[in-house]
Full PDB file with SEQRES, HELIX, SHEET, SSBOND, CRYST1, ORIGX, SCALE, CONECT and MASTER records, all heavy atoms in Angstrom:
SEQRES   1 A   43  VAL GLN PRO HIS SER ARG SER LYS HIS ILE GLY THR ILE          
SEQRES   2 A   43  SER PRO ASN ILE TYR VAL GLY THR LEU SER LEU PRO VAL          
SEQRES   3 A   43  PHE HIS ASN GLU LYS GLU ILE GLY ILE ALA TYR LEU GLU          
SEQRES   4 A   43  VAL GLN SER VAL                                              
SHEET    1 AA1 2 GLN A   2  PRO A   3  0                                        
SHEET    2 AA1 2 GLY A  11  THR A  12 -1                                        
SHEET    1 AA2 2 GLY A  20  HIS A  28  0                                        
SHEET    2 AA2 2 LYS A  31  VAL A  40 -1                                        
CRYST1    1.000    1.000    1.000  90.00  90.00  90.00 P 1           1          
ORIGX1      1.000000  0.000000  0.000000        0.00000                         
ORIGX2      0.000000  1.000000  0.000000        0.00000                         
ORIGX3      0.000000  0.000000  1.000000        0.00000                         
SCALE1      1.000000  0.000000  0.000000        0.00000                         
SCALE2      0.000000  1.000000  0.000000        0.00000                         
SCALE3      0.000000  0.000000  1.000000        0.00000                         
ATOM      1  N   VAL A   1     -10.215 -77.730 216.968  1.00  0.00           N  
ATOM      2  CA  VAL A   1      -9.670 -78.553 217.980  1.00  0.00           C  
ATOM      3  C   VAL A   1      -8.213 -78.797 217.693  1.00  0.00           C  
ATOM      4  O   VAL A   1      -7.842 -79.108 216.542  1.00  0.00           O  
ATOM      5  CB  VAL A   1     -10.364 -79.903 217.990  1.00  0.00           C  
ATOM      6  CG1 VAL A   1      -9.682 -80.910 218.973  1.00  0.00           C  
ATOM      7  CG2 VAL A   1     -11.792 -79.703 218.374  1.00  0.00           C  
ATOM      8  N   GLN A   2      -7.281 -78.599 218.641  1.00  0.00           N  
ATOM      9  CA  GLN A   2      -5.920 -78.877 218.578  1.00  0.00           C  
ATOM     10  C   GLN A   2      -5.426 -79.901 219.604  1.00  0.00           C  
ATOM     11  O   GLN A   2      -5.197 -79.432 220.882  1.00  0.00           O  
ATOM     12  CB  GLN A   2      -5.043 -77.568 218.725  1.00  0.00           C  
ATOM     13  CG  GLN A   2      -5.368 -76.560 217.657  1.00  0.00           C  
ATOM     14  CD  GLN A   2      -4.712 -76.971 216.342  1.00  0.00           C  
ATOM     15  OE1 GLN A   2      -3.701 -77.535 216.219  1.00  0.00           O  
ATOM     16  NE2 GLN A   2      -5.464 -76.725 215.295  1.00  0.00           N  
ATOM     17  N   PRO A   3      -5.381 -81.150 219.263  1.00  0.00           N  
ATOM     18  CA  PRO A   3      -4.828 -82.087 220.273  1.00  0.00           C  
ATOM     19  C   PRO A   3      -3.422 -81.878 220.573  1.00  0.00           C  
ATOM     20  O   PRO A   3      -2.654 -81.319 219.774  1.00  0.00           O  
ATOM     21  CB  PRO A   3      -5.090 -83.377 219.634  1.00  0.00           C  
ATOM     22  CG  PRO A   3      -6.059 -83.208 218.492  1.00  0.00           C  
ATOM     23  CD  PRO A   3      -5.772 -81.808 218.026  1.00  0.00           C  
ATOM     24  N   HIS A   4      -3.015 -82.243 221.751  1.00  0.00           N  
ATOM     25  CA  HIS A   4      -1.552 -82.241 222.126  1.00  0.00           C  
ATOM     26  C   HIS A   4      -0.810 -83.100 221.183  1.00  0.00           C  
ATOM     27  O   HIS A   4      -1.268 -84.182 220.832  1.00  0.00           O  
ATOM     28  CB  HIS A   4      -1.455 -82.649 223.577  1.00  0.00           C  
ATOM     29  CG  HIS A   4      -0.055 -82.543 224.079  1.00  0.00           C  
ATOM     30  ND1 HIS A   4       0.959 -83.441 223.946  1.00  0.00           N  
ATOM     31  CD2 HIS A   4       0.522 -81.444 224.800  1.00  0.00           C  
ATOM     32  CE1 HIS A   4       2.105 -82.956 224.504  1.00  0.00           C  
ATOM     33  NE2 HIS A   4       1.766 -81.850 225.015  1.00  0.00           N  
ATOM     34  N   SER A   5       0.403 -82.765 220.860  1.00  0.00           N  
ATOM     35  CA  SER A   5       1.085 -83.541 219.832  1.00  0.00           C  
ATOM     36  C   SER A   5       1.603 -84.831 220.273  1.00  0.00           C  
ATOM     37  O   SER A   5       1.596 -85.871 219.537  1.00  0.00           O  
ATOM     38  CB  SER A   5       2.449 -82.758 219.406  1.00  0.00           C  
ATOM     39  OG  SER A   5       3.236 -82.523 220.577  1.00  0.00           O  
ATOM     40  N   ARG A   6       1.660 -85.177 221.670  1.00  0.00           N  
ATOM     41  CA  ARG A   6       2.065 -86.555 222.154  1.00  0.00           C  
ATOM     42  C   ARG A   6       0.946 -87.195 222.902  1.00  0.00           C  
ATOM     43  O   ARG A   6       0.975 -88.394 222.947  1.00  0.00           O  
ATOM     44  CB  ARG A   6       3.331 -86.392 223.039  1.00  0.00           C  
ATOM     45  CG  ARG A   6       4.573 -86.040 222.282  1.00  0.00           C  
ATOM     46  CD  ARG A   6       5.742 -86.124 223.149  1.00  0.00           C  
ATOM     47  NE  ARG A   6       5.682 -85.098 224.325  1.00  0.00           N  
ATOM     48  CZ  ARG A   6       6.256 -83.943 224.292  1.00  0.00           C  
ATOM     49  NH1 ARG A   6       6.916 -83.555 223.276  1.00  0.00           N  
ATOM     50  NH2 ARG A   6       6.126 -83.134 225.364  1.00  0.00           N  
ATOM     51  N   SER A   7       0.088 -86.411 223.418  1.00  0.00           N  
ATOM     52  CA  SER A   7      -0.962 -86.951 224.331  1.00  0.00           C  
ATOM     53  C   SER A   7      -2.341 -86.556 223.665  1.00  0.00           C  
ATOM     54  O   SER A   7      -2.843 -85.483 224.010  1.00  0.00           O  
ATOM     55  CB  SER A   7      -1.015 -86.544 225.818  1.00  0.00           C  
ATOM     56  OG  SER A   7       0.243 -86.951 226.313  1.00  0.00           O  
ATOM     57  N   LYS A   8      -2.833 -87.375 222.763  1.00  0.00           N  
ATOM     58  CA  LYS A   8      -3.969 -86.916 221.890  1.00  0.00           C  
ATOM     59  C   LYS A   8      -5.229 -86.800 222.697  1.00  0.00           C  
ATOM     60  O   LYS A   8      -6.245 -86.251 222.248  1.00  0.00           O  
ATOM     61  CB  LYS A   8      -4.161 -88.013 220.834  1.00  0.00           C  
ATOM     62  CG  LYS A   8      -3.027 -88.155 219.891  1.00  0.00           C  
ATOM     63  CD  LYS A   8      -2.744 -86.939 219.104  1.00  0.00           C  
ATOM     64  CE  LYS A   8      -1.534 -87.209 218.141  1.00  0.00           C  
ATOM     65  NZ  LYS A   8      -0.900 -86.088 217.674  1.00  0.00           N  
ATOM     66  N   HIS A   9      -5.304 -87.336 223.981  1.00  0.00           N  
ATOM     67  CA  HIS A   9      -6.585 -87.204 224.774  1.00  0.00           C  
ATOM     68  C   HIS A   9      -6.716 -85.948 225.461  1.00  0.00           C  
ATOM     69  O   HIS A   9      -7.802 -85.659 226.110  1.00  0.00           O  
ATOM     70  CB  HIS A   9      -6.681 -88.343 225.725  1.00  0.00           C  
ATOM     71  CG  HIS A   9      -5.656 -88.227 226.886  1.00  0.00           C  
ATOM     72  ND1 HIS A   9      -4.301 -88.346 226.767  1.00  0.00           N  
ATOM     73  CD2 HIS A   9      -5.891 -87.953 228.213  1.00  0.00           C  
ATOM     74  CE1 HIS A   9      -3.691 -88.149 227.968  1.00  0.00           C  
ATOM     75  NE2 HIS A   9      -4.711 -87.900 228.879  1.00  0.00           N  
ATOM     76  N   ILE A  10      -5.790 -85.022 225.301  1.00  0.00           N  
ATOM     77  CA  ILE A  10      -5.823 -83.691 225.785  1.00  0.00           C  
ATOM     78  C   ILE A  10      -5.556 -82.729 224.685  1.00  0.00           C  
ATOM     79  O   ILE A  10      -4.855 -83.038 223.691  1.00  0.00           O  
ATOM     80  CB  ILE A  10      -4.786 -83.459 226.995  1.00  0.00           C  
ATOM     81  CG1 ILE A  10      -3.354 -83.558 226.477  1.00  0.00           C  
ATOM     82  CG2 ILE A  10      -5.129 -84.394 228.189  1.00  0.00           C  
ATOM     83  CD1 ILE A  10      -2.300 -83.331 227.519  1.00  0.00           C  
ATOM     84  N   GLY A  11      -5.903 -81.363 224.856  1.00  0.00           N  
ATOM     85  CA  GLY A  11      -5.665 -80.399 223.954  1.00  0.00           C  
ATOM     86  C   GLY A  11      -6.448 -79.129 224.074  1.00  0.00           C  
ATOM     87  O   GLY A  11      -6.854 -78.868 225.313  1.00  0.00           O  
ATOM     88  N   THR A  12      -6.627 -78.356 223.108  1.00  0.00           N  
ATOM     89  CA  THR A  12      -7.234 -77.097 223.167  1.00  0.00           C  
ATOM     90  C   THR A  12      -8.431 -76.937 222.190  1.00  0.00           C  
ATOM     91  O   THR A  12      -8.356 -77.494 221.059  1.00  0.00           O  
ATOM     92  CB  THR A  12      -6.268 -75.991 222.765  1.00  0.00           C  
ATOM     93  OG1 THR A  12      -5.057 -76.135 223.677  1.00  0.00           O  
ATOM     94  CG2 THR A  12      -6.857 -74.581 222.836  1.00  0.00           C  
ATOM     95  N   ILE A  13      -9.523 -76.361 222.623  1.00  0.00           N  
ATOM     96  CA  ILE A  13     -10.636 -75.964 221.696  1.00  0.00           C  
ATOM     97  C   ILE A  13     -10.585 -74.481 221.665  1.00  0.00           C  
ATOM     98  O   ILE A  13     -10.627 -73.761 222.652  1.00  0.00           O  
ATOM     99  CB  ILE A  13     -11.929 -76.443 222.393  1.00  0.00           C  
ATOM    100  CG1 ILE A  13     -11.960 -78.018 222.599  1.00  0.00           C  
ATOM    101  CG2 ILE A  13     -13.071 -75.975 221.613  1.00  0.00           C  
ATOM    102  CD1 ILE A  13     -13.137 -78.497 223.377  1.00  0.00           C  
ATOM    103  N   SER A  14     -10.538 -74.013 220.419  1.00  0.00           N  
ATOM    104  CA  SER A  14     -10.595 -72.569 220.098  1.00  0.00           C  
ATOM    105  C   SER A  14     -11.572 -72.326 219.026  1.00  0.00           C  
ATOM    106  O   SER A  14     -11.374 -72.391 217.850  1.00  0.00           O  
ATOM    107  CB  SER A  14      -9.301 -72.125 219.747  1.00  0.00           C  
ATOM    108  OG  SER A  14      -8.771 -72.834 218.734  1.00  0.00           O  
ATOM    109  N   PRO A  15     -12.880 -72.021 219.468  1.00  0.00           N  
ATOM    110  CA  PRO A  15     -13.968 -71.863 218.395  1.00  0.00           C  
ATOM    111  C   PRO A  15     -13.750 -70.616 217.575  1.00  0.00           C  
ATOM    112  O   PRO A  15     -14.600 -70.464 216.583  1.00  0.00           O  
ATOM    113  CB  PRO A  15     -15.328 -71.766 219.264  1.00  0.00           C  
ATOM    114  CG  PRO A  15     -14.876 -71.435 220.665  1.00  0.00           C  
ATOM    115  CD  PRO A  15     -13.471 -71.918 220.735  1.00  0.00           C  
ATOM    116  N   ASN A  16     -12.910 -69.724 217.885  1.00  0.00           N  
ATOM    117  CA  ASN A  16     -12.636 -68.470 217.118  1.00  0.00           C  
ATOM    118  C   ASN A  16     -14.048 -67.767 216.820  1.00  0.00           C  
ATOM    119  O   ASN A  16     -14.629 -67.314 217.812  1.00  0.00           O  
ATOM    120  CB  ASN A  16     -11.876 -68.847 215.776  1.00  0.00           C  
ATOM    121  CG  ASN A  16     -10.560 -69.464 216.031  1.00  0.00           C  
ATOM    122  OD1 ASN A  16      -9.891 -68.907 216.938  1.00  0.00           O  
ATOM    123  ND2 ASN A  16     -10.205 -70.474 215.316  1.00  0.00           N  
ATOM    124  N   ILE A  17     -14.404 -67.607 215.548  1.00  0.00           N  
ATOM    125  CA  ILE A  17     -15.626 -66.876 215.230  1.00  0.00           C  
ATOM    126  C   ILE A  17     -16.883 -67.805 215.080  1.00  0.00           C  
ATOM    127  O   ILE A  17     -17.946 -67.336 214.668  1.00  0.00           O  
ATOM    128  CB  ILE A  17     -15.430 -65.938 213.950  1.00  0.00           C  
ATOM    129  CG1 ILE A  17     -15.095 -66.764 212.758  1.00  0.00           C  
ATOM    130  CG2 ILE A  17     -14.489 -64.936 214.289  1.00  0.00           C  
ATOM    131  CD1 ILE A  17     -15.181 -65.976 211.460  1.00  0.00           C  
ATOM    132  N   TYR A  18     -16.624 -69.125 215.202  1.00  0.00           N  
ATOM    133  CA  TYR A  18     -17.802 -70.083 215.115  1.00  0.00           C  
ATOM    134  C   TYR A  18     -18.820 -69.801 216.180  1.00  0.00           C  
ATOM    135  O   TYR A  18     -18.519 -69.626 217.358  1.00  0.00           O  
ATOM    136  CB  TYR A  18     -17.246 -71.484 215.262  1.00  0.00           C  
ATOM    137  CG  TYR A  18     -18.326 -72.520 215.064  1.00  0.00           C  
ATOM    138  CD1 TYR A  18     -18.616 -73.023 213.767  1.00  0.00           C  
ATOM    139  CD2 TYR A  18     -19.169 -72.900 216.124  1.00  0.00           C  
ATOM    140  CE1 TYR A  18     -19.657 -73.984 213.514  1.00  0.00           C  
ATOM    141  CE2 TYR A  18     -20.122 -73.899 215.911  1.00  0.00           C  
ATOM    142  CZ  TYR A  18     -20.447 -74.451 214.638  1.00  0.00           C  
ATOM    143  OH  TYR A  18     -21.383 -75.185 214.420  1.00  0.00           O  
ATOM    144  N   VAL A  19     -20.146 -69.877 215.729  1.00  0.00           N  
ATOM    145  CA  VAL A  19     -21.215 -69.557 216.691  1.00  0.00           C  
ATOM    146  C   VAL A  19     -22.300 -70.652 216.284  1.00  0.00           C  
ATOM    147  O   VAL A  19     -22.573 -70.829 215.189  1.00  0.00           O  
ATOM    148  CB  VAL A  19     -21.756 -68.245 216.643  1.00  0.00           C  
ATOM    149  CG1 VAL A  19     -23.127 -68.032 217.444  1.00  0.00           C  
ATOM    150  CG2 VAL A  19     -20.720 -67.130 217.038  1.00  0.00           C  
ATOM    151  N   GLY A  20     -22.896 -71.359 217.350  1.00  0.00           N  
ATOM    152  CA  GLY A  20     -23.901 -72.343 217.136  1.00  0.00           C  
ATOM    153  C   GLY A  20     -23.460 -73.557 217.749  1.00  0.00           C  
ATOM    154  O   GLY A  20     -22.528 -73.676 218.673  1.00  0.00           O  
ATOM    155  N   THR A  21     -24.129 -74.731 217.380  1.00  0.00           N  
ATOM    156  CA  THR A  21     -23.936 -75.989 217.971  1.00  0.00           C  
ATOM    157  C   THR A  21     -22.644 -76.586 217.198  1.00  0.00           C  
ATOM    158  O   THR A  21     -22.664 -76.762 216.008  1.00  0.00           O  
ATOM    159  CB  THR A  21     -25.085 -76.910 217.806  1.00  0.00           C  
ATOM    160  OG1 THR A  21     -26.241 -76.361 218.417  1.00  0.00           O  
ATOM    161  CG2 THR A  21     -24.816 -78.346 218.455  1.00  0.00           C  
ATOM    162  N   LEU A  22     -21.742 -76.952 218.137  1.00  0.00           N  
ATOM    163  CA  LEU A  22     -20.406 -77.454 217.585  1.00  0.00           C  
ATOM    164  C   LEU A  22     -20.456 -79.009 217.703  1.00  0.00           C  
ATOM    165  O   LEU A  22     -20.717 -79.561 218.941  1.00  0.00           O  
ATOM    166  CB  LEU A  22     -19.327 -76.883 218.451  1.00  0.00           C  
ATOM    167  CG  LEU A  22     -17.910 -77.258 218.156  1.00  0.00           C  
ATOM    168  CD1 LEU A  22     -17.506 -76.992 216.571  1.00  0.00           C  
ATOM    169  CD2 LEU A  22     -16.945 -76.554 218.906  1.00  0.00           C  
ATOM    170  N   SER A  23     -20.377 -79.734 216.674  1.00  0.00           N  
ATOM    171  CA  SER A  23     -20.338 -81.214 216.680  1.00  0.00           C  
ATOM    172  C   SER A  23     -18.946 -81.701 216.558  1.00  0.00           C  
ATOM    173  O   SER A  23     -18.341 -81.484 215.527  1.00  0.00           O  
ATOM    174  CB  SER A  23     -21.194 -81.739 215.574  1.00  0.00           C  
ATOM    175  OG  SER A  23     -22.511 -81.288 215.574  1.00  0.00           O  
ATOM    176  N   LEU A  24     -18.513 -82.385 217.575  1.00  0.00           N  
ATOM    177  CA  LEU A  24     -17.112 -82.843 217.678  1.00  0.00           C  
ATOM    178  C   LEU A  24     -17.062 -84.381 217.649  1.00  0.00           C  
ATOM    179  O   LEU A  24     -17.482 -85.028 218.529  1.00  0.00           O  
ATOM    180  CB  LEU A  24     -16.452 -82.338 218.899  1.00  0.00           C  
ATOM    181  CG  LEU A  24     -16.324 -80.795 218.985  1.00  0.00           C  
ATOM    182  CD1 LEU A  24     -15.689 -80.408 220.368  1.00  0.00           C  
ATOM    183  CD2 LEU A  24     -15.384 -80.228 217.832  1.00  0.00           C  
ATOM    184  N   PRO A  25     -16.565 -84.997 216.532  1.00  0.00           N  
ATOM    185  CA  PRO A  25     -16.470 -86.450 216.488  1.00  0.00           C  
ATOM    186  C   PRO A  25     -15.521 -86.973 217.516  1.00  0.00           C  
ATOM    187  O   PRO A  25     -14.381 -86.401 217.728  1.00  0.00           O  
ATOM    188  CB  PRO A  25     -15.968 -86.803 215.092  1.00  0.00           C  
ATOM    189  CG  PRO A  25     -16.290 -85.524 214.281  1.00  0.00           C  
ATOM    190  CD  PRO A  25     -16.231 -84.368 215.251  1.00  0.00           C  
ATOM    191  N   VAL A  26     -15.912 -88.028 218.289  1.00  0.00           N  
ATOM    192  CA  VAL A  26     -15.072 -88.614 219.179  1.00  0.00           C  
ATOM    193  C   VAL A  26     -14.466 -89.926 218.690  1.00  0.00           C  
ATOM    194  O   VAL A  26     -15.269 -90.773 218.103  1.00  0.00           O  
ATOM    195  CB  VAL A  26     -15.865 -88.916 220.547  1.00  0.00           C  
ATOM    196  CG1 VAL A  26     -15.006 -89.600 221.566  1.00  0.00           C  
ATOM    197  CG2 VAL A  26     -16.383 -87.627 221.097  1.00  0.00           C  
ATOM    198  N   PHE A  27     -13.218 -90.147 218.889  1.00  0.00           N  
ATOM    199  CA  PHE A  27     -12.549 -91.294 218.350  1.00  0.00           C  
ATOM    200  C   PHE A  27     -12.046 -92.141 219.490  1.00  0.00           C  
ATOM    201  O   PHE A  27     -11.616 -91.704 220.411  1.00  0.00           O  
ATOM    202  CB  PHE A  27     -11.355 -90.861 217.419  1.00  0.00           C  
ATOM    203  CG  PHE A  27     -11.808 -90.272 216.188  1.00  0.00           C  
ATOM    204  CD1 PHE A  27     -12.054 -88.890 216.121  1.00  0.00           C  
ATOM    205  CD2 PHE A  27     -11.933 -91.008 214.973  1.00  0.00           C  
ATOM    206  CE1 PHE A  27     -12.533 -88.270 214.956  1.00  0.00           C  
ATOM    207  CE2 PHE A  27     -12.311 -90.374 213.874  1.00  0.00           C  
ATOM    208  CZ  PHE A  27     -12.665 -89.037 213.776  1.00  0.00           C  
ATOM    209  N   HIS A  28     -12.160 -93.446 219.258  1.00  0.00           N  
ATOM    210  CA  HIS A  28     -11.605 -94.583 220.188  1.00  0.00           C  
ATOM    211  C   HIS A  28     -10.595 -95.370 219.412  1.00  0.00           C  
ATOM    212  O   HIS A  28     -11.038 -95.976 218.459  1.00  0.00           O  
ATOM    213  CB  HIS A  28     -12.633 -95.339 220.806  1.00  0.00           C  
ATOM    214  CG  HIS A  28     -12.107 -96.431 221.711  1.00  0.00           C  
ATOM    215  ND1 HIS A  28     -12.053 -97.799 221.279  1.00  0.00           N  
ATOM    216  CD2 HIS A  28     -11.633 -96.332 223.010  1.00  0.00           C  
ATOM    217  CE1 HIS A  28     -11.553 -98.477 222.234  1.00  0.00           C  
ATOM    218  NE2 HIS A  28     -11.289 -97.628 223.259  1.00  0.00           N  
ATOM    219  N   ASN A  29      -9.374 -95.278 219.696  1.00  0.00           N  
ATOM    220  CA  ASN A  29      -8.388 -95.983 218.941  1.00  0.00           C  
ATOM    221  C   ASN A  29      -8.491 -95.880 217.419  1.00  0.00           C  
ATOM    222  O   ASN A  29      -8.557 -96.751 216.786  1.00  0.00           O  
ATOM    223  CB  ASN A  29      -8.352 -97.506 219.350  1.00  0.00           C  
ATOM    224  CG  ASN A  29      -7.963 -97.671 220.820  1.00  0.00           C  
ATOM    225  OD1 ASN A  29      -7.174 -96.982 221.374  1.00  0.00           O  
ATOM    226  ND2 ASN A  29      -8.591 -98.724 221.465  1.00  0.00           N  
ATOM    227  N   GLU A  30      -8.535 -94.587 217.057  1.00  0.00           N  
ATOM    228  CA  GLU A  30      -8.596 -94.122 215.649  1.00  0.00           C  
ATOM    229  C   GLU A  30      -9.891 -94.430 214.997  1.00  0.00           C  
ATOM    230  O   GLU A  30     -10.066 -94.200 213.771  1.00  0.00           O  
ATOM    231  CB  GLU A  30      -7.490 -94.776 214.828  1.00  0.00           C  
ATOM    232  CG  GLU A  30      -6.084 -94.420 215.334  1.00  0.00           C  
ATOM    233  CD  GLU A  30      -5.815 -93.013 215.327  1.00  0.00           C  
ATOM    234  OE1 GLU A  30      -6.153 -92.298 214.262  1.00  0.00           O  
ATOM    235  OE2 GLU A  30      -5.222 -92.469 216.240  1.00  0.00           O  
ATOM    236  N   LYS A  31     -10.931 -94.921 215.660  1.00  0.00           N  
ATOM    237  CA  LYS A  31     -12.219 -95.218 215.015  1.00  0.00           C  
ATOM    238  C   LYS A  31     -13.340 -94.252 215.688  1.00  0.00           C  
ATOM    239  O   LYS A  31     -13.431 -94.148 216.859  1.00  0.00           O  
ATOM    240  CB  LYS A  31     -12.732 -96.671 215.313  1.00  0.00           C  
ATOM    241  CG  LYS A  31     -14.037 -97.003 214.674  1.00  0.00           C  
ATOM    242  CD  LYS A  31     -14.506 -98.417 215.046  1.00  0.00           C  
ATOM    243  CE  LYS A  31     -15.922 -98.631 214.497  1.00  0.00           C  
ATOM    244  NZ  LYS A  31     -16.415 -99.849 215.011  1.00  0.00           N  
ATOM    245  N   GLU A  32     -14.103 -93.582 214.737  1.00  0.00           N  
ATOM    246  CA  GLU A  32     -15.023 -92.630 215.249  1.00  0.00           C  
ATOM    247  C   GLU A  32     -16.196 -93.514 215.925  1.00  0.00           C  
ATOM    248  O   GLU A  32     -16.773 -94.397 215.355  1.00  0.00           O  
ATOM    249  CB  GLU A  32     -15.671 -91.799 214.091  1.00  0.00           C  
ATOM    250  CG  GLU A  32     -16.662 -90.813 214.629  1.00  0.00           C  
ATOM    251  CD  GLU A  32     -17.092 -89.883 213.478  1.00  0.00           C  
ATOM    252  OE1 GLU A  32     -16.430 -89.707 212.457  1.00  0.00           O  
ATOM    253  OE2 GLU A  32     -18.256 -89.369 213.621  1.00  0.00           O  
ATOM    254  N   ILE A  33     -16.586 -93.047 217.138  1.00  0.00           N  
ATOM    255  CA  ILE A  33     -17.620 -93.808 217.862  1.00  0.00           C  
ATOM    256  C   ILE A  33     -18.856 -92.968 218.053  1.00  0.00           C  
ATOM    257  O   ILE A  33     -19.835 -93.473 218.604  1.00  0.00           O  
ATOM    258  CB  ILE A  33     -17.034 -94.325 219.243  1.00  0.00           C  
ATOM    259  CG1 ILE A  33     -16.679 -93.198 220.164  1.00  0.00           C  
ATOM    260  CG2 ILE A  33     -15.896 -95.292 219.073  1.00  0.00           C  
ATOM    261  CD1 ILE A  33     -16.535 -93.458 221.634  1.00  0.00           C  
ATOM    262  N   GLY A  34     -18.808 -91.704 217.889  1.00  0.00           N  
ATOM    263  CA  GLY A  34     -19.893 -90.788 218.073  1.00  0.00           C  
ATOM    264  C   GLY A  34     -19.548 -89.271 218.160  1.00  0.00           C  
ATOM    265  O   GLY A  34     -18.398 -89.010 217.730  1.00  0.00           O  
ATOM    266  N   ILE A  35     -20.478 -88.518 218.655  1.00  0.00           N  
ATOM    267  CA  ILE A  35     -20.316 -87.049 218.526  1.00  0.00           C  
ATOM    268  C   ILE A  35     -20.497 -86.477 219.915  1.00  0.00           C  
ATOM    269  O   ILE A  35     -21.406 -86.910 220.684  1.00  0.00           O  
ATOM    270  CB  ILE A  35     -21.337 -86.453 217.604  1.00  0.00           C  
ATOM    271  CG1 ILE A  35     -21.340 -86.997 216.145  1.00  0.00           C  
ATOM    272  CG2 ILE A  35     -21.242 -84.920 217.621  1.00  0.00           C  
ATOM    273  CD1 ILE A  35     -20.086 -86.610 215.435  1.00  0.00           C  
ATOM    274  N   ALA A  36     -19.670 -85.510 220.255  1.00  0.00           N  
ATOM    275  CA  ALA A  36     -19.836 -84.628 221.537  1.00  0.00           C  
ATOM    276  C   ALA A  36     -20.372 -83.352 221.045  1.00  0.00           C  
ATOM    277  O   ALA A  36     -19.837 -82.746 220.034  1.00  0.00           O  
ATOM    278  CB  ALA A  36     -18.544 -84.567 222.329  1.00  0.00           C  
ATOM    279  N   TYR A  37     -21.314 -82.678 221.648  1.00  0.00           N  
ATOM    280  CA  TYR A  37     -21.888 -81.514 221.302  1.00  0.00           C  
ATOM    281  C   TYR A  37     -21.647 -80.414 222.344  1.00  0.00           C  
ATOM    282  O   TYR A  37     -21.805 -80.586 223.544  1.00  0.00           O  
ATOM    283  CB  TYR A  37     -23.503 -81.618 221.156  1.00  0.00           C  
ATOM    284  CG  TYR A  37     -23.837 -82.615 220.111  1.00  0.00           C  
ATOM    285  CD1 TYR A  37     -24.182 -83.963 220.460  1.00  0.00           C  
ATOM    286  CD2 TYR A  37     -23.882 -82.255 218.762  1.00  0.00           C  
ATOM    287  CE1 TYR A  37     -24.455 -84.866 219.425  1.00  0.00           C  
ATOM    288  CE2 TYR A  37     -24.244 -83.222 217.727  1.00  0.00           C  
ATOM    289  CZ  TYR A  37     -24.537 -84.472 218.151  1.00  0.00           C  
ATOM    290  OH  TYR A  37     -24.915 -85.338 217.129  1.00  0.00           O  
ATOM    291  N   LEU A  38     -21.115 -79.227 221.809  1.00  0.00           N  
ATOM    292  CA  LEU A  38     -20.989 -78.019 222.618  1.00  0.00           C  
ATOM    293  C   LEU A  38     -21.676 -76.884 221.880  1.00  0.00           C  
ATOM    294  O   LEU A  38     -21.760 -76.933 220.650  1.00  0.00           O  
ATOM    295  CB  LEU A  38     -19.510 -77.682 222.771  1.00  0.00           C  
ATOM    296  CG  LEU A  38     -18.646 -78.740 223.388  1.00  0.00           C  
ATOM    297  CD1 LEU A  38     -17.173 -78.447 223.264  1.00  0.00           C  
ATOM    298  CD2 LEU A  38     -18.980 -78.874 224.813  1.00  0.00           C  
ATOM    299  N   GLU A  39     -22.181 -75.958 222.603  1.00  0.00           N  
ATOM    300  CA  GLU A  39     -22.822 -74.768 222.026  1.00  0.00           C  
ATOM    301  C   GLU A  39     -21.737 -73.679 222.183  1.00  0.00           C  
ATOM    302  O   GLU A  39     -21.160 -73.584 223.225  1.00  0.00           O  
ATOM    303  CB  GLU A  39     -24.059 -74.458 222.787  1.00  0.00           C  
ATOM    304  CG  GLU A  39     -24.994 -73.475 222.075  1.00  0.00           C  
ATOM    305  CD  GLU A  39     -25.715 -74.042 220.887  1.00  0.00           C  
ATOM    306  OE1 GLU A  39     -25.810 -75.309 220.920  1.00  0.00           O  
ATOM    307  OE2 GLU A  39     -26.115 -73.356 220.026  1.00  0.00           O  
ATOM    308  N   VAL A  40     -21.601 -72.875 221.097  1.00  0.00           N  
ATOM    309  CA  VAL A  40     -20.695 -71.702 221.127  1.00  0.00           C  
ATOM    310  C   VAL A  40     -21.545 -70.449 221.010  1.00  0.00           C  
ATOM    311  O   VAL A  40     -22.252 -70.268 219.983  1.00  0.00           O  
ATOM    312  CB  VAL A  40     -19.660 -71.724 219.955  1.00  0.00           C  
ATOM    313  CG1 VAL A  40     -18.690 -70.569 220.021  1.00  0.00           C  
ATOM    314  CG2 VAL A  40     -18.974 -73.041 219.969  1.00  0.00           C  
ATOM    315  N   GLN A  41     -21.504 -69.645 222.069  1.00  0.00           N  
ATOM    316  CA  GLN A  41     -22.255 -68.346 222.104  1.00  0.00           C  
ATOM    317  C   GLN A  41     -21.473 -67.277 221.383  1.00  0.00           C  
ATOM    318  O   GLN A  41     -20.358 -67.206 221.494  1.00  0.00           O  
ATOM    319  CB  GLN A  41     -22.598 -67.992 223.549  1.00  0.00           C  
ATOM    320  CG  GLN A  41     -23.341 -68.966 224.416  1.00  0.00           C  
ATOM    321  CD  GLN A  41     -23.516 -68.434 225.804  1.00  0.00           C  
ATOM    322  OE1 GLN A  41     -23.124 -67.330 226.155  1.00  0.00           O  
ATOM    323  NE2 GLN A  41     -24.098 -69.331 226.648  1.00  0.00           N  
ATOM    324  N   SER A  42     -22.253 -66.335 220.863  1.00  0.00           N  
ATOM    325  CA  SER A  42     -21.672 -65.125 220.262  1.00  0.00           C  
ATOM    326  C   SER A  42     -21.283 -64.132 221.307  1.00  0.00           C  
ATOM    327  O   SER A  42     -21.973 -64.109 222.450  1.00  0.00           O  
ATOM    328  CB  SER A  42     -22.751 -64.496 219.333  1.00  0.00           C  
ATOM    329  OG  SER A  42     -22.311 -63.235 218.843  1.00  0.00           O  
ATOM    330  N   VAL A  43     -20.228 -63.388 221.176  1.00  0.00           N  
ATOM    331  CA  VAL A  43     -19.884 -62.318 222.148  1.00  0.00           C  
ATOM    332  C   VAL A  43     -20.475 -61.068 221.787  1.00  0.00           C  
ATOM    333  O   VAL A  43     -20.647 -60.167 222.666  1.00  0.00           O  
ATOM    334  CB  VAL A  43     -18.250 -62.090 222.228  1.00  0.00           C  
ATOM    335  CG1 VAL A  43     -17.630 -63.359 222.751  1.00  0.00           C  
ATOM    336  CG2 VAL A  43     -17.718 -61.724 220.829  1.00  0.00           C  
TER     337      VAL A  43                                                      
MASTER        0    0    0    0    4    0    0    6  336    1    0    4          
END                                                                             
């Protein structure tokens, strides 16, 4: 994950060679509040 340098609520996800369930911690005002899950399929 690469958040935008000025607007942290936007950015880029680039899983590269990662495959499987991706667990992304979600933060609210710098405090972790939980996890968002995405699946990354193999090409």
